[in-house]
Amino acid sequence: MNHHIIRLAAAGIAAILLSLSLDAQQEPQKRERSRFEVRKVPTGQIFLSDPFILADKESGMYYMTGTGGMLWKSPDLKIWEGPYIVAKTDPESWMGPRPMIWAAELHKYKDKYYYFATFTNQADTIDTYRGNVIPRRACHILVSDKPEGPYTPMADETYLPADQPTLDATLWIEDGKPYMLFCHEWLQNWNGTVESILLKDDLSGSLGERRLLFTANESPWSRQKNDDGTVSPNRCTDGPYVFRTKTGSLGIIWTSWKFDEYTQGVAYSESGRLEGPWIQEPEQITPPNYGHGMIFTTFDGKLLLCCHSHKMDGNRTIRIPAFFLLDDSGDKLKVVGPYEP
């Protein structure tokens, strides 16, 4: 299925969730309980795109978020308590009163916790390209003193150009300096990118020029069938996440499509630094229909990939968090197999 359609479906769910969450904040507590009753559920019963897990040693808890912006927490990765509303955006900002939230991430940096996410204001159109009406969509960062939030805005109103749709921000530290990686969405440039930009030391804004790391059409494994029957590299870049193996190799996992299969790939930096050049692996690293992954270490030392499954059920897209055991002992990351907590 077209990535844009699936994104819109996920966005629609996110919009409904956020709309309900804002109503819940403004109306009696009984309404909030009826819509967002906190409950304890196993991983397999959480419908969530773009899952991200922060393993917080200080609290001894795993915190999970993703598209929709809600938060779950668990001591063991098996049973999760939630959902909690944690993002407190400014309704007077460019995001508007009810922004969609995609691909939220939680990062601890120095003595604070940061919420990286993609926010969309559907009421503000920034471009129309090849028939695609593009609303204002951008990566932004919120901050909190605690992993469970609430996460609130910082100093700068924007991190990236307002006239370009950007998404799926993540954090990487190199030489003690913080960088944000993100994608310029393919709907506007017809060839999605993965890029980086230096952040202020407190992550409250961006500095300098953005750097192009790679484009969607550099991938040898992603494919799409075009309207004229030809086959070409897929246009989509999705969910970059940076890692380093134990031997020092620097890599980025990212997601695209292999025809109708949502799939995780990887690229490695020849220089061992963020500037690259980046070389794409010839094949994807996960089974078909698993993607938008991130990497974390459990409290007992296991290295895991957390991603979401992708399954069509009629016209519905079903996405559930999934885990894979990883081996990073060599120069390249290896997926050992599925992992059940």
C-alpha atoms as a PDB file:
ATOM      1  CA  MET A   1       0.000   0.000   0.000  1.00  0.00           C
ATOM      2  CA  ASN A   2       1.142   3.558  -0.726  1.00  0.00           C
ATOM      3  CA  HIS A   3       3.178   4.911   2.168  1.00  0.00           C
ATOM      4  CA  HIS A   4       1.336   8.226   2.059  1.00  0.00           C
ATOM      5  CA  ILE A   5      -2.040   6.531   2.496  1.00  0.00           C
ATOM      6  CA  ILE A   6      -0.782   4.568   5.479  1.00  0.00           C
ATOM      7  CA  ARG A   7       0.759   7.697   6.951  1.00  0.00           C
ATOM      8  CA  LEU A   8      -2.565   9.490   6.569  1.00  0.00           C
ATOM      9  CA  ALA A   9      -4.355   6.604   8.271  1.00  0.00           C
ATOM     10  CA  ALA A  10      -1.895   6.701  11.165  1.00  0.00           C
ATOM     11  CA  ALA A  11      -2.178  10.464  11.259  1.00  0.00           C
ATOM     12  CA  GLY A  12      -5.949  10.224  11.383  1.00  0.00           C
ATOM     13  CA  ILE A  13      -5.726   7.953  14.389  1.00  0.00           C
ATOM     14  CA  ALA A  14      -3.220  10.323  15.973  1.00  0.00           C
ATOM     15  CA  ALA A  15      -5.480  13.296  15.333  1.00  0.00           C
ATOM     16  CA  ILE A  16      -8.438  11.545  16.920  1.00  0.00           C
ATOM     17  CA  LEU A  17      -6.357  10.573  19.940  1.00  0.00           C
ATOM     18  CA  LEU A  18      -5.000  14.063  20.381  1.00  0.00           C
ATOM     19  CA  SER A  19      -8.390  15.677  19.831  1.00  0.00           C
ATOM     20  CA  LEU A  20      -9.848  13.456  22.494  1.00  0.00           C
ATOM     21  CA  SER A  21      -6.924  14.168  24.795  1.00  0.00           C
ATOM     22  CA  LEU A  22      -7.426  17.915  24.540  1.00  0.00           C
ATOM     23  CA  ASP A  23     -11.154  17.531  25.213  1.00  0.00           C
ATOM     24  CA  ALA A  24     -10.276  15.377  28.178  1.00  0.00           C
ATOM     25  CA  GLN A  25      -8.040  18.089  29.617  1.00  0.00           C
ATOM     26  CA  GLN A  26     -10.829  20.648  29.374  1.00  0.00           C
ATOM     27  CA  GLU A  27     -13.800  18.623  30.586  1.00  0.00           C
ATOM     28  CA  PRO A  28     -14.667  16.761  33.803  1.00  0.00           C
ATOM     29  CA  GLN A  29     -12.451  13.945  34.999  1.00  0.00           C
ATOM     30  CA  LYS A  30     -15.137  11.346  34.366  1.00  0.00           C
ATOM     31  CA  ARG A  31     -14.907  12.117  30.620  1.00  0.00           C
ATOM     32  CA  GLU A  32     -11.122  11.700  30.713  1.00  0.00           C
ATOM     33  CA  ARG A  33     -11.463   8.375  32.500  1.00  0.00           C
ATOM     34  CA  SER A  34     -13.974   7.099  29.956  1.00  0.00           C
ATOM     35  CA  ARG A  35     -11.712   7.927  26.992  1.00  0.00           C
ATOM     36  CA  PHE A  36      -8.242   7.354  28.429  1.00  0.00           C
ATOM     37  CA  GLU A  37      -8.696   4.961  31.267  1.00  0.00           C
ATOM     38  CA  VAL A  38      -5.222   3.883  32.353  1.00  0.00           C
ATOM     39  CA  ARG A  39      -4.990   0.119  32.189  1.00  0.00           C
ATOM     40  CA  LYS A  40      -2.402  -2.632  32.199  1.00  0.00           C
ATOM     41  CA  VAL A  41      -2.038  -4.534  28.924  1.00  0.00           C
ATOM     42  CA  PRO A  42       0.489  -6.876  27.286  1.00  0.00           C
ATOM     43  CA  THR A  43       2.591  -5.612  24.379  1.00  0.00           C
ATOM     44  CA  GLY A  44       0.585  -7.566  21.823  1.00  0.00           C
ATOM     45  CA  GLN A  45      -2.584  -5.642  22.683  1.00  0.00           C
ATOM     46  CA  ILE A  46      -1.095  -2.176  22.089  1.00  0.00           C
ATOM     47  CA  PHE A  47      -1.810  -0.788  18.626  1.00  0.00           C
ATOM     48  CA  LEU A  48       1.066   1.598  18.004  1.00  0.00           C
ATOM     49  CA  SER A  49       3.039   2.839  14.999  1.00  0.00           C
ATOM     50  CA  ASP A  50       6.684   3.910  15.315  1.00  0.00           C
ATOM     51  CA  PRO A  51       7.255   2.623  18.878  1.00  0.00           C
ATOM     52  CA  PHE A  52      10.194   4.035  20.806  1.00  0.00           C
ATOM     53  CA  ILE A  53      11.427   2.818  24.185  1.00  0.00           C
ATOM     54  CA  LEU A  54      13.474   4.707  26.754  1.00  0.00           C
ATOM     55  CA  ALA A  55      15.093   2.330  29.251  1.00  0.00           C
ATOM     56  CA  ASP A  56      15.423   4.598  32.286  1.00  0.00           C
ATOM     57  CA  LYS A  57      17.758   3.028  34.833  1.00  0.00           C
ATOM     58  CA  GLU A  58      17.067   5.642  37.511  1.00  0.00           C
ATOM     59  CA  SER A  59      13.387   4.751  37.735  1.00  0.00           C
ATOM     60  CA  GLY A  60      13.826   1.119  36.700  1.00  0.00           C
ATOM     61  CA  MET A  61      11.110   1.580  34.099  1.00  0.00           C
ATOM     62  CA  TYR A  62      10.759   1.271  30.348  1.00  0.00           C
ATOM     63  CA  TYR A  63       8.838   4.172  28.799  1.00  0.00           C
ATOM     64  CA  MET A  64       7.255   3.653  25.385  1.00  0.00           C
ATOM     65  CA  THR A  65       5.760   6.228  23.042  1.00  0.00           C
ATOM     66  CA  GLY A  66       5.236   6.606  19.300  1.00  0.00           C
ATOM     67  CA  THR A  67       2.710   7.954  16.804  1.00  0.00           C
ATOM     68  CA  GLY A  68      -0.240   9.475  18.661  1.00  0.00           C
ATOM     69  CA  GLY A  69       2.074  10.844  21.332  1.00  0.00           C
ATOM     70  CA  MET A  70       0.741   8.771  24.231  1.00  0.00           C
ATOM     71  CA  LEU A  71       2.996   7.140  26.849  1.00  0.00           C
ATOM     72  CA  TRP A  72       3.088   3.645  28.354  1.00  0.00           C
ATOM     73  CA  LYS A  73       5.423   2.394  31.085  1.00  0.00           C
ATOM     74  CA  SER A  74       6.556  -1.070  32.150  1.00  0.00           C
ATOM     75  CA  PRO A  75       9.112  -2.633  34.525  1.00  0.00           C
ATOM     76  CA  ASP A  76       9.603  -5.731  32.352  1.00  0.00           C
ATOM     77  CA  LEU A  77       8.558  -5.048  28.694  1.00  0.00           C
ATOM     78  CA  LYS A  78       5.716  -7.544  29.183  1.00  0.00           C
ATOM     79  CA  ILE A  79       2.855  -5.604  30.770  1.00  0.00           C
ATOM     80  CA  TRP A  80       2.411  -1.900  30.066  1.00  0.00           C
ATOM     81  CA  GLU A  81       0.522   0.713  32.065  1.00  0.00           C
ATOM     82  CA  GLY A  82      -1.076   3.509  30.087  1.00  0.00           C
ATOM     83  CA  PRO A  83      -1.851   5.391  27.991  1.00  0.00           C
ATOM     84  CA  TYR A  84      -0.813   8.707  29.522  1.00  0.00           C
ATOM     85  CA  ILE A  85      -1.072  12.144  27.899  1.00  0.00           C
ATOM     86  CA  VAL A  86       2.394  13.733  28.154  1.00  0.00           C
ATOM     87  CA  ALA A  87       2.845  16.304  25.338  1.00  0.00           C
ATOM     88  CA  LYS A  88       1.726  19.834  26.259  1.00  0.00           C
ATOM     89  CA  THR A  89       2.072  21.903  23.085  1.00  0.00           C
ATOM     90  CA  ASP A  90       1.383  25.621  22.773  1.00  0.00           C
ATOM     91  CA  PRO A  91      -1.985  26.162  21.003  1.00  0.00           C
ATOM     92  CA  GLU A  92      -0.814  29.654  19.937  1.00  0.00           C
ATOM     93  CA  SER A  93       2.245  28.262  18.151  1.00  0.00           C
ATOM     94  CA  TRP A  94       2.488  27.173  14.502  1.00  0.00           C
ATOM     95  CA  MET A  95       1.225  23.734  15.568  1.00  0.00           C
ATOM     96  CA  GLY A  96      -2.251  25.073  16.292  1.00  0.00           C
ATOM     97  CA  PRO A  97      -4.558  23.807  19.025  1.00  0.00           C
ATOM     98  CA  ARG A  98      -4.740  20.156  17.938  1.00  0.00           C
ATOM     99  CA  PRO A  99      -1.611  18.987  16.111  1.00  0.00           C
ATOM    100  CA  MET A 100      -1.170  15.440  14.918  1.00  0.00           C
ATOM    101  CA  ILE A 101       1.787  13.733  16.575  1.00  0.00           C
ATOM    102  CA  TRP A 102       3.885  11.158  14.718  1.00  0.00           C
ATOM    103  CA  ALA A 103       6.902   9.074  15.705  1.00  0.00           C
ATOM    104  CA  ALA A 104       7.497  10.518  19.175  1.00  0.00           C
ATOM    105  CA  GLU A 105      10.805   9.586  20.834  1.00  0.00           C
ATOM    106  CA  LEU A 106      12.129  10.026  24.396  1.00  0.00           C
ATOM    107  CA  HIS A 107      15.793  10.808  25.007  1.00  0.00           C
ATOM    108  CA  LYS A 108      17.667  11.514  28.211  1.00  0.00           C
ATOM    109  CA  TYR A 109      20.361  14.143  27.611  1.00  0.00           C
ATOM    110  CA  LYS A 110      22.424  15.534  30.452  1.00  0.00           C
ATOM    111  CA  ASP A 111      19.973  16.104  33.316  1.00  0.00           C
ATOM    112  CA  LYS A 112      16.719  16.406  31.378  1.00  0.00           C
ATOM    113  CA  TYR A 113      14.382  14.341  29.213  1.00  0.00           C
ATOM    114  CA  TYR A 114      13.488  15.346  25.670  1.00  0.00           C
ATOM    115  CA  TYR A 115      10.501  14.508  23.473  1.00  0.00           C
ATOM    116  CA  PHE A 116      11.369  14.446  19.766  1.00  0.00           C
ATOM    117  CA  ALA A 117       8.296  14.249  17.536  1.00  0.00           C
ATOM    118  CA  THR A 118       6.701  15.225  14.231  1.00  0.00           C
ATOM    119  CA  PHE A 119       3.845  17.699  14.607  1.00  0.00           C
ATOM    120  CA  THR A 120       1.315  18.463  11.858  1.00  0.00           C
ATOM    121  CA  ASN A 121      -1.093  21.400  11.618  1.00  0.00           C
ATOM    122  CA  GLN A 122      -3.633  20.397   8.976  1.00  0.00           C
ATOM    123  CA  ALA A 123      -5.151  23.878   8.946  1.00  0.00           C
ATOM    124  CA  ASP A 124      -1.934  25.367   7.523  1.00  0.00           C
ATOM    125  CA  THR A 125      -1.033  24.370   3.939  1.00  0.00           C
ATOM    126  CA  ILE A 126       2.596  25.004   2.954  1.00  0.00           C
ATOM    127  CA  ASP A 127       2.751  23.547  -0.554  1.00  0.00           C
ATOM    128  CA  THR A 128       1.040  21.609  -3.317  1.00  0.00           C
ATOM    129  CA  TYR A 129       3.344  19.296  -5.238  1.00  0.00           C
ATOM    130  CA  ARG A 130       2.318  16.844  -7.970  1.00  0.00           C
ATOM    131  CA  GLY A 131      -1.223  16.923  -6.683  1.00  0.00           C
ATOM    132  CA  ASN A 132      -0.215  16.448  -3.044  1.00  0.00           C
ATOM    133  CA  VAL A 133      -1.599  19.114  -0.733  1.00  0.00           C
ATOM    134  CA  ILE A 134       1.016  19.345   2.002  1.00  0.00           C
ATOM    135  CA  PRO A 135       0.095  20.682   5.452  1.00  0.00           C
ATOM    136  CA  ARG A 136       2.665  22.230   7.755  1.00  0.00           C
ATOM    137  CA  ARG A 137       4.574  19.325   9.264  1.00  0.00           C
ATOM    138  CA  ALA A 138       7.833  19.583  11.156  1.00  0.00           C
ATOM    139  CA  CYS A 139      10.151  17.999  13.687  1.00  0.00           C
ATOM    140  CA  HIS A 140      10.168  19.674  17.076  1.00  0.00           C
ATOM    141  CA  ILE A 141      11.514  18.995  20.582  1.00  0.00           C
ATOM    142  CA  LEU A 142       9.796  19.335  23.977  1.00  0.00           C
ATOM    143  CA  VAL A 143      11.446  19.027  27.403  1.00  0.00           C
ATOM    144  CA  SER A 144      10.708  17.659  30.882  1.00  0.00           C
ATOM    145  CA  ASP A 145      12.489  17.050  34.166  1.00  0.00           C
ATOM    146  CA  LYS A 146      10.973  13.560  34.366  1.00  0.00           C
ATOM    147  CA  PRO A 147      10.666  10.697  31.856  1.00  0.00           C
ATOM    148  CA  GLU A 148       6.888  10.535  32.349  1.00  0.00           C
ATOM    149  CA  GLY A 149       6.558  14.239  31.533  1.00  0.00           C
ATOM    150  CA  PRO A 150       4.757  16.490  31.052  1.00  0.00           C
ATOM    151  CA  TYR A 151       6.828  17.630  28.058  1.00  0.00           C
ATOM    152  CA  THR A 152       6.597  21.327  27.214  1.00  0.00           C
ATOM    153  CA  PRO A 153       8.018  23.693  24.543  1.00  0.00           C
ATOM    154  CA  MET A 154      11.404  25.401  24.812  1.00  0.00           C
ATOM    155  CA  ALA A 155      12.774  28.664  23.428  1.00  0.00           C
ATOM    156  CA  ASP A 156      12.770  28.352  19.635  1.00  0.00           C
ATOM    157  CA  GLU A 157       9.522  28.151  17.686  1.00  0.00           C
ATOM    158  CA  THR A 158      11.046  26.248  14.753  1.00  0.00           C
ATOM    159  CA  TYR A 159      13.990  23.923  14.159  1.00  0.00           C
ATOM    160  CA  LEU A 160      13.698  23.462  10.390  1.00  0.00           C
ATOM    161  CA  PRO A 161      12.330  25.471   7.422  1.00  0.00           C
ATOM    162  CA  ALA A 162       8.602  26.128   7.703  1.00  0.00           C
ATOM    163  CA  ASP A 163       7.998  25.580   3.980  1.00  0.00           C
ATOM    164  CA  GLN A 164       9.266  21.980   3.982  1.00  0.00           C
ATOM    165  CA  PRO A 165       7.609  18.897   5.516  1.00  0.00           C
ATOM    166  CA  THR A 166      10.084  17.151   7.826  1.00  0.00           C
ATOM    167  CA  LEU A 167       9.499  14.124   9.997  1.00  0.00           C
ATOM    168  CA  ASP A 168      10.869  11.337  12.226  1.00  0.00           C
ATOM    169  CA  ALA A 169      13.453  13.253  14.230  1.00  0.00           C
ATOM    170  CA  THR A 170      15.978  11.430  16.403  1.00  0.00           C
ATOM    171  CA  LEU A 171      19.024  12.367  18.511  1.00  0.00           C
ATOM    172  CA  TRP A 172      22.709  11.543  18.044  1.00  0.00           C
ATOM    173  CA  ILE A 173      25.691  12.802  20.039  1.00  0.00           C
ATOM    174  CA  GLU A 174      29.075  13.098  18.272  1.00  0.00           C
ATOM    175  CA  ASP A 175      32.179  14.697  19.778  1.00  0.00           C
ATOM    176  CA  GLY A 176      29.994  15.893  22.635  1.00  0.00           C
ATOM    177  CA  LYS A 177      27.693  17.813  20.282  1.00  0.00           C
ATOM    178  CA  PRO A 178      23.976  17.013  19.835  1.00  0.00           C
ATOM    179  CA  TYR A 179      22.565  16.473  16.347  1.00  0.00           C
ATOM    180  CA  MET A 180      19.036  15.933  15.151  1.00  0.00           C
ATOM    181  CA  LEU A 181      18.515  13.505  12.278  1.00  0.00           C
ATOM    182  CA  PHE A 182      15.303  13.783  10.270  1.00  0.00           C
ATOM    183  CA  CYS A 183      13.683  13.076   6.912  1.00  0.00           C
ATOM    184  CA  HIS A 184      12.576  15.594   4.288  1.00  0.00           C
ATOM    185  CA  GLU A 185       9.315  13.955   3.224  1.00  0.00           C
ATOM    186  CA  TRP A 186       9.189  12.504  -0.278  1.00  0.00           C
ATOM    187  CA  LEU A 187       5.760  14.030  -0.969  1.00  0.00           C
ATOM    188  CA  GLN A 188       7.481  17.343  -1.663  1.00  0.00           C
ATOM    189  CA  ASN A 189      10.817  16.323  -3.201  1.00  0.00           C
ATOM    190  CA  TRP A 190       9.829  12.946  -4.791  1.00  0.00           C
ATOM    191  CA  ASN A 191      12.976  11.411  -3.286  1.00  0.00           C
ATOM    192  CA  GLY A 192      12.965  11.306   0.503  1.00  0.00           C
ATOM    193  CA  THR A 193      16.115  12.198   2.407  1.00  0.00           C
ATOM    194  CA  VAL A 194      17.867  11.513   5.694  1.00  0.00           C
ATOM    195  CA  GLU A 195      19.599  14.659   6.946  1.00  0.00           C
ATOM    196  CA  SER A 196      21.225  16.046  10.086  1.00  0.00           C
ATOM    197  CA  ILE A 197      21.472  19.423  11.770  1.00  0.00           C
ATOM    198  CA  LEU A 198      23.448  20.597  14.796  1.00  0.00           C
ATOM    199  CA  LEU A 199      21.390  21.486  17.863  1.00  0.00           C
ATOM    200  CA  LYS A 200      21.970  24.015  20.605  1.00  0.00           C
ATOM    201  CA  ASP A 201      23.596  22.515  23.668  1.00  0.00           C
ATOM    202  CA  ASP A 202      20.283  22.482  25.561  1.00  0.00           C
ATOM    203  CA  LEU A 203      18.408  21.201  22.450  1.00  0.00           C
ATOM    204  CA  SER A 204      16.195  24.313  22.477  1.00  0.00           C
ATOM    205  CA  GLY A 205      16.885  25.107  18.807  1.00  0.00           C
ATOM    206  CA  SER A 206      19.014  24.268  15.784  1.00  0.00           C
ATOM    207  CA  LEU A 207      22.306  25.758  14.597  1.00  0.00           C
ATOM    208  CA  GLY A 208      23.972  26.137  11.216  1.00  0.00           C
ATOM    209  CA  GLU A 209      23.237  24.374   7.958  1.00  0.00           C
ATOM    210  CA  ARG A 210      21.588  20.982   7.558  1.00  0.00           C
ATOM    211  CA  ARG A 211      23.644  18.185   5.978  1.00  0.00           C
ATOM    212  CA  LEU A 212      22.277  15.645   3.493  1.00  0.00           C
ATOM    213  CA  LEU A 213      23.324  12.134   4.506  1.00  0.00           C
ATOM    214  CA  PHE A 214      21.540  10.034   1.869  1.00  0.00           C
ATOM    215  CA  THR A 215      18.431   9.822  -0.299  1.00  0.00           C
ATOM    216  CA  ALA A 216      15.792   7.143  -0.815  1.00  0.00           C
ATOM    217  CA  ASN A 217      16.933   6.234  -4.306  1.00  0.00           C
ATOM    218  CA  GLU A 218      20.385   5.203  -3.060  1.00  0.00           C
ATOM    219  CA  SER A 219      18.898   2.047  -1.547  1.00  0.00           C
ATOM    220  CA  PRO A 220      19.495  -1.142  -3.577  1.00  0.00           C
ATOM    221  CA  TRP A 221      16.766  -3.108  -1.770  1.00  0.00           C
ATOM    222  CA  SER A 222      13.755  -0.763  -1.681  1.00  0.00           C
ATOM    223  CA  ARG A 223      11.505  -0.959  -4.748  1.00  0.00           C
ATOM    224  CA  GLN A 224       8.252   0.372  -6.102  1.00  0.00           C
ATOM    225  CA  LYS A 225       6.196  -0.303  -9.213  1.00  0.00           C
ATOM    226  CA  ASN A 226       5.381   2.899 -11.068  1.00  0.00           C
ATOM    227  CA  ASP A 227       2.197   3.802 -12.913  1.00  0.00           C
ATOM    228  CA  ASP A 228       3.857   3.082 -16.248  1.00  0.00           C
ATOM    229  CA  GLY A 229       4.784  -0.443 -15.158  1.00  0.00           C
ATOM    230  CA  THR A 230       8.488   0.288 -14.563  1.00  0.00           C
ATOM    231  CA  VAL A 231      10.266  -0.556 -11.327  1.00  0.00           C
ATOM    232  CA  SER A 232      12.412   1.975  -9.458  1.00  0.00           C
ATOM    233  CA  PRO A 233      13.795   2.623  -5.964  1.00  0.00           C
ATOM    234  CA  ASN A 234      11.067   3.550  -3.504  1.00  0.00           C
ATOM    235  CA  ARG A 235      10.760   7.267  -2.733  1.00  0.00           C
ATOM    236  CA  CYS A 236      10.210   6.911   1.018  1.00  0.00           C
ATOM    237  CA  THR A 237      12.711   7.453   3.818  1.00  0.00           C
ATOM    238  CA  ASP A 238      11.305   6.715   7.245  1.00  0.00           C
ATOM    239  CA  GLY A 239      12.437   6.474  10.858  1.00  0.00           C
ATOM    240  CA  PRO A 240      16.248   6.934  10.918  1.00  0.00           C
ATOM    241  CA  TYR A 241      18.040   5.817  14.076  1.00  0.00           C
ATOM    242  CA  VAL A 242      21.808   5.998  14.627  1.00  0.00           C
ATOM    243  CA  PHE A 243      23.898   3.319  16.352  1.00  0.00           C
ATOM    244  CA  ARG A 244      27.519   2.273  16.775  1.00  0.00           C
ATOM    245  CA  THR A 245      28.691  -1.353  16.938  1.00  0.00           C
ATOM    246  CA  LYS A 246      31.215  -2.592  19.486  1.00  0.00           C
ATOM    247  CA  THR A 247      33.958  -2.426  16.846  1.00  0.00           C
ATOM    248  CA  GLY A 248      33.182   1.249  16.198  1.00  0.00           C
ATOM    249  CA  SER A 249      31.162   1.038  12.967  1.00  0.00           C
ATOM    250  CA  LEU A 250      28.604   3.826  12.686  1.00  0.00           C
ATOM    251  CA  GLY A 251      25.264   2.887  11.183  1.00  0.00           C
ATOM    252  CA  ILE A 252      21.760   4.185  10.569  1.00  0.00           C
ATOM    253  CA  ILE A 253      18.739   1.914  10.491  1.00  0.00           C
ATOM    254  CA  TRP A 254      15.891   3.322   8.415  1.00  0.00           C
ATOM    255  CA  THR A 255      12.727   2.078   6.741  1.00  0.00           C
ATOM    256  CA  SER A 256      11.250   2.088   3.253  1.00  0.00           C
ATOM    257  CA  TRP A 257       9.159  -0.196   1.072  1.00  0.00           C
ATOM    258  CA  LYS A 258       9.982  -3.235  -1.031  1.00  0.00           C
ATOM    259  CA  PHE A 259       6.920  -3.119  -3.240  1.00  0.00           C
ATOM    260  CA  ASP A 260       4.082  -3.657  -0.722  1.00  0.00           C
ATOM    261  CA  GLU A 261       6.334  -4.759   2.167  1.00  0.00           C
ATOM    262  CA  TYR A 262       7.307  -2.263   4.869  1.00  0.00           C
ATOM    263  CA  THR A 263      10.921  -3.154   5.632  1.00  0.00           C
ATOM    264  CA  GLN A 264      13.953  -2.109   7.711  1.00  0.00           C
ATOM    265  CA  GLY A 265      17.298  -1.385   6.073  1.00  0.00           C
ATOM    266  CA  VAL A 266      20.683  -0.117   7.241  1.00  0.00           C
ATOM    267  CA  ALA A 267      23.479   2.118   5.982  1.00  0.00           C
ATOM    268  CA  TYR A 268      27.057   2.466   7.281  1.00  0.00           C
ATOM    269  CA  SER A 269      29.369   5.460   7.346  1.00  0.00           C
ATOM    270  CA  GLU A 270      32.681   4.882   5.564  1.00  0.00           C
ATOM    271  CA  SER A 271      34.351   7.526   7.734  1.00  0.00           C
ATOM    272  CA  GLY A 272      32.817   6.278  10.970  1.00  0.00           C
ATOM    273  CA  ARG A 273      31.361   9.754  11.447  1.00  0.00           C
ATOM    274  CA  LEU A 274      27.962  11.310  10.904  1.00  0.00           C
ATOM    275  CA  GLU A 275      29.162  13.192   7.826  1.00  0.00           C
ATOM    276  CA  GLY A 276      29.573   9.887   5.968  1.00  0.00           C
ATOM    277  CA  PRO A 277      29.724   9.030   3.129  1.00  0.00           C
ATOM    278  CA  TRP A 278      26.912   6.555   3.770  1.00  0.00           C
ATOM    279  CA  ILE A 279      26.843   3.190   1.997  1.00  0.00           C
ATOM    280  CA  GLN A 280      23.597   1.228   1.829  1.00  0.00           C
ATOM    281  CA  GLU A 281      23.503  -2.477   2.610  1.00  0.00           C
ATOM    282  CA  PRO A 282      22.239  -4.565  -0.324  1.00  0.00           C
ATOM    283  CA  GLU A 283      19.443  -6.272   1.622  1.00  0.00           C
ATOM    284  CA  GLN A 284      17.007  -5.389   4.384  1.00  0.00           C
ATOM    285  CA  ILE A 285      17.750  -6.662   7.902  1.00  0.00           C
ATOM    286  CA  THR A 286      14.290  -7.545   9.240  1.00  0.00           C
ATOM    287  CA  PRO A 287      11.648  -9.933   7.940  1.00  0.00           C
ATOM    288  CA  PRO A 288       9.053  -8.346   5.638  1.00  0.00           C
ATOM    289  CA  ASN A 289       6.522  -6.008   7.225  1.00  0.00           C
ATOM    290  CA  TYR A 290       8.548  -4.933  10.233  1.00  0.00           C
ATOM    291  CA  GLY A 291       9.944  -1.419  10.333  1.00  0.00           C
ATOM    292  CA  HIS A 292      10.525   2.020  11.847  1.00  0.00           C
ATOM    293  CA  GLY A 293      12.906   0.592  14.421  1.00  0.00           C
ATOM    294  CA  MET A 294      15.073   1.852  17.246  1.00  0.00           C
ATOM    295  CA  ILE A 295      17.709   0.130  19.375  1.00  0.00           C
ATOM    296  CA  PHE A 296      17.947  -0.085  23.152  1.00  0.00           C
ATOM    297  CA  THR A 297      19.617  -2.179  25.843  1.00  0.00           C
ATOM    298  CA  THR A 298      17.484  -3.924  28.450  1.00  0.00           C
ATOM    299  CA  PHE A 299      18.257  -3.672  32.137  1.00  0.00           C
ATOM    300  CA  ASP A 300      19.770  -7.180  31.984  1.00  0.00           C
ATOM    301  CA  GLY A 301      22.052  -6.309  29.058  1.00  0.00           C
ATOM    302  CA  LYS A 302      20.207  -7.576  25.986  1.00  0.00           C
ATOM    303  CA  LEU A 303      20.451  -5.468  22.829  1.00  0.00           C
ATOM    304  CA  LEU A 304      17.036  -5.202  21.187  1.00  0.00           C
ATOM    305  CA  LEU A 305      15.468  -3.712  18.115  1.00  0.00           C
ATOM    306  CA  CYS A 306      12.019  -2.318  18.826  1.00  0.00           C
ATOM    307  CA  CYS A 307       9.874  -1.762  15.722  1.00  0.00           C
ATOM    308  CA  HIS A 308       6.279  -2.244  14.657  1.00  0.00           C
ATOM    309  CA  SER A 309       4.685  -5.042  12.711  1.00  0.00           C
ATOM    310  CA  HIS A 310       2.701  -4.091   9.629  1.00  0.00           C
ATOM    311  CA  LYS A 311      -0.409  -6.025   8.639  1.00  0.00           C
ATOM    312  CA  MET A 312      -3.425  -5.185   6.515  1.00  0.00           C
ATOM    313  CA  ASP A 313      -6.827  -6.247   7.826  1.00  0.00           C
ATOM    314  CA  GLY A 314      -9.223  -5.262   5.070  1.00  0.00           C
ATOM    315  CA  ASN A 315      -8.839  -1.501   4.783  1.00  0.00           C
ATOM    316  CA  ARG A 316      -7.230  -1.221   8.217  1.00  0.00           C
ATOM    317  CA  THR A 317      -3.512  -1.161   8.961  1.00  0.00           C
ATOM    318  CA  ILE A 318      -2.591  -3.050  12.136  1.00  0.00           C
ATOM    319  CA  ARG A 319       0.693  -2.103  13.781  1.00  0.00           C
ATOM    320  CA  ILE A 320       1.896  -3.616  17.052  1.00  0.00           C
ATOM    321  CA  PRO A 321       5.285  -3.184  18.818  1.00  0.00           C
ATOM    322  CA  ALA A 322       7.678  -6.062  18.194  1.00  0.00           C
ATOM    323  CA  PHE A 323      11.169  -6.963  19.450  1.00  0.00           C
ATOM    324  CA  PHE A 324      14.188  -8.562  17.782  1.00  0.00           C
ATOM    325  CA  LEU A 325      17.415  -9.659  19.491  1.00  0.00           C
ATOM    326  CA  LEU A 326      20.507  -7.999  17.972  1.00  0.00           C
ATOM    327  CA  ASP A 327      24.209  -8.802  17.765  1.00  0.00           C
ATOM    328  CA  ASP A 328      26.499  -5.755  17.469  1.00  0.00           C
ATOM    329  CA  SER A 329      29.787  -7.522  18.251  1.00  0.00           C
ATOM    330  CA  GLY A 330      31.132  -7.145  14.695  1.00  0.00           C
ATOM    331  CA  ASP A 331      31.392  -4.357  12.153  1.00  0.00           C
ATOM    332  CA  LYS A 332      27.768  -4.815  11.090  1.00  0.00           C
ATOM    333  CA  LEU A 333      24.550  -5.164  13.031  1.00  0.00           C
ATOM    334  CA  LYS A 334      22.905  -8.594  12.874  1.00  0.00           C
ATOM    335  CA  VAL A 335      19.313  -9.502  13.672  1.00  0.00           C
ATOM    336  CA  VAL A 336      19.465 -12.768  15.621  1.00  0.00           C
ATOM    337  CA  GLY A 337      15.717 -13.369  15.656  1.00  0.00           C
ATOM    338  CA  PRO A 338      12.412 -12.442  17.309  1.00  0.00           C
ATOM    339  CA  TYR A 339      12.523 -11.758  21.038  1.00  0.00           C
ATOM    340  CA  GLU A 340       9.762 -12.391  23.570  1.00  0.00           C
ATOM    341  CA  PRO A 341      10.259 -10.548  26.880  1.00  0.00           C
END
